Amino acid sequence: MMAYKCPYCNKDLVEPITKKKAYPFCGRDIYVRSGKLVTEDESFTIDWVEKLNLVLGINRKEFEKIRADLSSKFGLQTPARDVVWTILNKSPKNAQIYSLMADLLAEEDKDPTDLLIEVAKEEKKLSRKFIRKTQKDEKDLFKVKPIFLSHSQLAYIRRLSNKRDYEKAEKLLFMSEPTPAVLDELRKICSNKAWEAKKQEDWDRVVELLEGYNKYAEENKEYCLKIVSQPPPCHTKKDLDLLNLAKEKLLSQSN
């Protein structure tokens, strides 16, 4: 039987680990990559070398050489995150680089808005070139919202929502392309805020929030179907029941 050891302290694990988990003995998070138990730094390195390879052609060997040079320069082992920042900061800027920088900020729970705006600017430049080349109406450029949120950026928004920082989360969501994933995050926020309004018996607010999402989803239904052949997410039965209750309350108040 294979022995599983902590990648930090090398002590035997009581049971196999198949996903991220804190090891009680040393209290550090153990990650799983390709069936192997690795440290946080190693998991980050594996994930980001894959991204850097796709965009910049940088492989693991080149990544480690850059890390070694930085470590030699500063006299200590350079964390993988600092290596990635160095690579991205020194790279010629385009939409892909700005998007990766936004990913890195989002993973660190830092606001990536400014970098996402730079992504949008770069994509607009490319779109304008395309429009001039194909002689399309430039108005078509602004029919679709410019920012596409990556998995890391959506995860950051979910963490904002979990902390009830709805204003910042909604700002990013309304700036982005209205994909089903984006609309689902908006739906969840509207649901959370509606249930908070219910506690205050603010029935007007409940209706405003839940029907407001329905309106926004309907406005972007065609886009969702065109991009991913999937309609916007609908309210849950629980939320629909809350909406009906709010309407009944308002009706009874008016009579």
Protein backbone atom coordinates (compact mmCIF):
# COMPACT_ATOMS: atom_id res chain seq x y z
CA MET A 1 0.00 0.00 0.00
CA MET A 2 1.35 3.41 -1.01
CA ALA A 3 2.32 5.70 1.88
CA TYR A 4 1.05 9.27 1.70
CA LYS A 5 3.32 11.89 3.20
CA CYS A 6 2.85 15.56 3.96
CA PRO A 7 4.79 17.57 1.33
CA TYR A 8 5.80 20.07 4.06
CA CYS A 9 6.92 17.98 7.05
CA ASN A 10 7.19 14.57 5.33
CA LYS A 11 5.17 12.84 8.06
CA ASP A 12 2.84 9.97 7.12
CA LEU A 13 -0.79 10.88 6.51
CA VAL A 14 -3.51 8.89 8.23
CA GLU A 15 -5.64 8.75 5.08
CA PRO A 16 -5.27 9.62 1.38
CA ILE A 17 -6.03 13.18 0.26
CA THR A 18 -7.84 13.79 -3.03
CA LYS A 19 -8.41 17.53 -2.79
CA LYS A 20 -7.07 20.57 -0.93
CA LYS A 21 -6.96 19.92 2.79
CA ALA A 22 -5.15 21.24 5.85
CA TYR A 23 -2.92 18.65 7.49
CA PRO A 24 -3.59 18.72 11.27
CA PHE A 25 0.02 18.01 12.27
CA CYS A 26 1.62 21.09 10.68
CA GLY A 27 -1.59 23.02 9.90
CA ARG A 28 -0.64 23.80 6.31
CA ASP A 29 -2.76 23.31 3.22
CA ILE A 30 -1.92 20.29 1.08
CA TYR A 31 -2.85 20.45 -2.61
CA VAL A 32 -3.33 17.70 -5.17
CA ARG A 33 -2.00 18.03 -8.71
CA SER A 34 -2.02 15.10 -11.15
CA GLY A 35 -2.53 12.70 -8.26
CA LYS A 36 0.48 14.01 -6.30
CA LEU A 37 0.43 15.82 -2.95
CA VAL A 38 2.17 19.18 -3.25
CA THR A 39 2.71 22.41 -1.32
CA GLU A 40 0.78 25.61 -1.96
CA ASP A 41 3.77 27.14 -3.75
CA GLU A 42 4.16 24.07 -5.97
CA SER A 43 0.45 23.93 -6.84
CA PHE A 44 0.54 27.62 -7.73
CA THR A 45 3.65 27.07 -9.85
CA ILE A 46 2.08 24.16 -11.74
CA ASP A 47 -1.12 26.12 -12.45
CA TRP A 48 0.63 29.28 -13.53
CA VAL A 49 3.34 27.68 -15.65
CA GLU A 50 0.49 26.15 -17.65
CA LYS A 51 -1.05 29.62 -18.14
CA LEU A 52 2.28 31.26 -18.96
CA ASN A 53 3.11 28.50 -21.41
CA LEU A 54 -0.13 29.06 -23.30
CA VAL A 55 0.31 32.84 -23.55
CA LEU A 56 4.08 33.39 -23.51
CA GLY A 57 5.55 29.96 -24.25
CA ILE A 58 7.34 29.84 -20.88
CA ASN A 59 7.87 26.27 -19.63
CA ARG A 60 8.77 24.99 -16.16
CA LYS A 61 12.51 25.00 -16.84
CA GLU A 62 12.44 28.65 -17.96
CA PHE A 63 10.22 29.58 -15.02
CA GLU A 64 12.68 28.05 -12.55
CA LYS A 65 15.61 29.84 -14.22
CA ILE A 66 13.83 33.18 -13.74
CA ARG A 67 13.11 32.22 -10.12
CA ALA A 68 16.76 31.28 -9.55
CA ASP A 69 17.95 34.60 -11.01
CA LEU A 70 15.55 36.55 -8.76
CA SER A 71 16.52 34.49 -5.72
CA SER A 72 20.20 35.12 -6.41
CA LYS A 73 19.55 38.83 -6.84
CA PHE A 74 17.63 39.24 -3.57
CA GLY A 75 19.46 36.61 -1.53
CA LEU A 76 16.44 34.47 -0.67
CA GLN A 77 14.05 32.01 -2.33
CA THR A 78 11.57 33.97 -4.42
CA PRO A 79 7.91 32.89 -4.01
CA ALA A 80 6.23 31.67 -7.18
CA ARG A 81 3.74 34.56 -7.09
CA ASP A 82 6.57 37.10 -7.24
CA VAL A 83 8.10 35.25 -10.19
CA VAL A 84 4.78 35.40 -12.07
CA TRP A 85 4.39 39.13 -11.34
CA THR A 86 7.91 39.77 -12.61
CA ILE A 87 7.25 37.84 -15.83
CA LEU A 88 3.93 39.58 -16.48
CA ASN A 89 5.23 43.06 -15.64
CA LYS A 90 8.16 42.66 -18.05
CA SER A 91 6.01 41.26 -20.88
CA PRO A 92 4.66 43.52 -23.66
CA LYS A 93 1.15 44.44 -22.60
CA ASN A 94 -1.89 43.15 -24.45
CA ALA A 95 -5.34 41.84 -23.50
CA GLN A 96 -4.01 38.39 -22.54
CA ILE A 97 -1.29 39.77 -20.27
CA TYR A 98 -3.67 42.20 -18.56
CA SER A 99 -6.15 39.35 -18.10
CA LEU A 100 -3.51 37.16 -16.45
CA MET A 101 -2.53 40.04 -14.17
CA ALA A 102 -6.19 40.46 -13.25
CA ASP A 103 -6.37 36.72 -12.50
CA LEU A 104 -3.39 36.99 -10.17
CA LEU A 105 -4.90 39.94 -8.30
CA ALA A 106 -8.25 38.16 -8.02
CA GLU A 107 -6.58 35.06 -6.58
CA GLU A 108 -5.00 37.31 -3.95
CA ASP A 109 -8.43 38.84 -3.15
CA LYS A 110 -7.35 42.18 -4.60
CA ASP A 111 -9.61 44.26 -6.83
CA PRO A 112 -8.78 43.52 -10.52
CA THR A 113 -11.12 46.20 -11.94
CA ASP A 114 -8.42 48.53 -13.29
CA LEU A 115 -6.70 45.67 -15.10
CA LEU A 116 -9.99 44.39 -16.52
CA ILE A 117 -10.60 47.88 -17.92
CA GLU A 118 -7.20 47.63 -19.62
CA VAL A 119 -8.30 44.27 -21.07
CA ALA A 120 -11.41 45.95 -22.46
CA LYS A 121 -9.37 48.78 -23.98
CA GLU A 122 -7.04 46.35 -25.72
CA GLU A 123 -9.95 44.29 -27.05
CA LYS A 124 -11.63 47.45 -28.35
CA LYS A 125 -8.46 48.33 -30.23
CA LEU A 126 -8.53 44.93 -31.92
CA SER A 127 -12.25 45.25 -32.62
CA ARG A 128 -11.81 48.66 -34.22
CA LYS A 129 -9.10 47.25 -36.50
CA PHE A 130 -11.45 44.43 -37.44
CA ILE A 131 -14.33 46.83 -38.09
CA ARG A 132 -12.19 49.05 -40.33
CA LYS A 133 -10.93 45.99 -42.17
CA THR A 134 -14.41 44.55 -42.73
CA GLN A 135 -16.16 47.95 -43.03
CA LYS A 136 -18.65 47.06 -40.32
CA ASP A 137 -20.57 49.67 -38.38
CA GLU A 138 -18.49 50.72 -35.36
CA LYS A 139 -21.68 50.87 -33.31
CA ASP A 140 -21.62 47.05 -33.33
CA LEU A 141 -18.51 47.25 -31.17
CA PHE A 142 -20.48 48.46 -28.16
CA LYS A 143 -23.48 46.14 -28.36
CA VAL A 144 -21.63 43.56 -26.23
CA LYS A 145 -20.12 44.42 -22.86
CA PRO A 146 -16.34 44.32 -23.09
CA ILE A 147 -15.04 42.37 -20.10
CA PHE A 148 -15.01 38.58 -20.04
CA LEU A 149 -14.59 37.23 -16.52
CA SER A 150 -12.31 34.24 -16.09
CA HIS A 151 -12.79 31.42 -13.60
CA SER A 152 -10.41 33.13 -11.14
CA GLN A 153 -12.21 36.45 -11.46
CA LEU A 154 -15.64 34.84 -10.94
CA ALA A 155 -14.28 33.04 -7.87
CA TYR A 156 -13.11 36.41 -6.53
CA ILE A 157 -16.61 37.82 -7.06
CA ARG A 158 -18.13 34.87 -5.21
CA ARG A 159 -15.82 35.58 -2.28
CA LEU A 160 -16.93 39.22 -2.33
CA SER A 161 -20.56 38.07 -2.21
CA ASN A 162 -19.83 35.69 0.66
CA LYS A 163 -18.43 38.68 2.55
CA ARG A 164 -21.61 40.61 1.62
CA ASP A 165 -19.59 43.13 -0.37
CA TYR A 166 -22.38 43.22 -2.94
CA GLU A 167 -21.61 46.70 -4.30
CA LYS A 168 -18.11 45.77 -5.45
CA ALA A 169 -19.28 42.39 -6.78
CA GLU A 170 -22.14 43.92 -8.76
CA LYS A 171 -19.89 46.61 -10.20
CA LEU A 172 -17.65 43.97 -11.76
CA LEU A 173 -20.58 41.82 -12.92
CA PHE A 174 -22.36 44.70 -14.66
CA MET A 175 -19.11 45.64 -16.42
CA SER A 176 -18.75 42.15 -17.82
CA GLU A 177 -20.19 40.18 -20.69
CA PRO A 178 -23.60 38.84 -19.59
CA THR A 179 -22.79 35.15 -19.82
CA PRO A 180 -24.94 32.60 -17.92
CA ALA A 181 -22.18 32.32 -15.28
CA VAL A 182 -22.20 36.09 -14.74
CA LEU A 183 -26.00 36.22 -14.64
CA ASP A 184 -26.05 33.39 -12.11
CA GLU A 185 -23.83 35.39 -9.77
CA LEU A 186 -26.16 38.38 -10.16
CA ARG A 187 -29.15 36.13 -9.49
CA LYS A 188 -27.59 34.88 -6.26
CA ILE A 189 -26.82 38.42 -5.10
CA CYS A 190 -30.40 39.53 -5.82
CA SER A 191 -31.64 36.50 -3.92
CA ASN A 192 -29.47 37.24 -0.88
CA LYS A 193 -30.50 40.89 -0.83
CA ALA A 194 -34.17 39.97 -1.29
CA TRP A 195 -34.12 37.63 1.71
CA GLU A 196 -32.46 40.38 3.76
CA ALA A 197 -35.27 42.74 2.66
CA LYS A 198 -37.83 40.10 3.66
CA LYS A 199 -36.53 40.19 7.25
CA GLN A 200 -37.33 43.91 7.26
CA GLU A 201 -40.71 43.21 5.64
CA ASP A 202 -39.67 45.54 2.82
CA TRP A 203 -41.87 43.87 0.21
CA ASP A 204 -41.34 46.59 -2.40
CA ARG A 205 -37.59 45.94 -2.21
CA VAL A 206 -38.11 42.18 -2.51
CA VAL A 207 -40.12 42.63 -5.71
CA GLU A 208 -37.68 45.23 -7.06
CA LEU A 209 -34.71 42.89 -6.61
CA LEU A 210 -36.20 39.65 -7.89
CA GLU A 211 -38.07 41.18 -10.82
CA GLY A 212 -35.06 43.38 -11.55
CA TYR A 213 -33.00 40.27 -12.14
CA ASN A 214 -35.74 38.81 -14.35
CA LYS A 215 -35.68 41.95 -16.48
CA TYR A 216 -31.89 41.96 -16.83
CA ALA A 217 -31.87 38.25 -17.67
CA GLU A 218 -34.54 38.71 -20.33
CA GLU A 219 -32.60 41.61 -21.86
CA ASN A 220 -29.55 39.34 -22.21
CA LYS A 221 -31.30 36.10 -23.10
CA GLU A 222 -30.49 36.40 -26.81
CA TYR A 223 -26.81 36.99 -26.03
CA CYS A 224 -26.60 33.90 -23.78
CA LEU A 225 -28.26 31.72 -26.39
CA LYS A 226 -25.97 33.07 -29.10
CA ILE A 227 -22.74 32.62 -27.14
CA VAL A 228 -23.27 29.31 -25.32
CA SER A 229 -26.72 28.11 -26.46
CA GLN A 230 -27.88 28.35 -22.87
CA PRO A 231 -30.60 30.61 -21.45
CA PRO A 232 -29.96 32.78 -18.39
CA PRO A 233 -30.44 30.98 -15.04
CA CYS A 234 -33.93 31.28 -13.54
CA HIS A 235 -34.85 32.02 -9.95
CA THR A 236 -35.07 29.01 -7.64
CA LYS A 237 -38.52 27.82 -6.53
CA LYS A 238 -37.76 29.25 -3.09
CA ASP A 239 -37.11 32.69 -4.57
CA LEU A 240 -40.21 32.50 -6.79
CA ASP A 241 -42.27 31.68 -3.71
CA LEU A 242 -40.75 34.70 -1.97
CA LEU A 243 -41.61 36.90 -4.96
CA ASN A 244 -45.22 35.69 -4.93
CA LEU A 245 -45.43 36.25 -1.18
CA ALA A 246 -44.12 39.81 -1.56
CA LYS A 247 -46.71 40.56 -4.25
CA GLU A 248 -49.48 39.15 -2.05
CA LYS A 249 -48.33 41.30 0.86
CA LEU A 250 -48.27 44.42 -1.29
CA LEU A 251 -51.73 43.61 -2.68
CA SER A 252 -53.18 43.13 0.79
CA GLN A 253 -51.64 46.41 1.94
CA SER A 254 -53.23 48.29 -0.95
CA ASN A 255 -56.74 46.89 -0.22
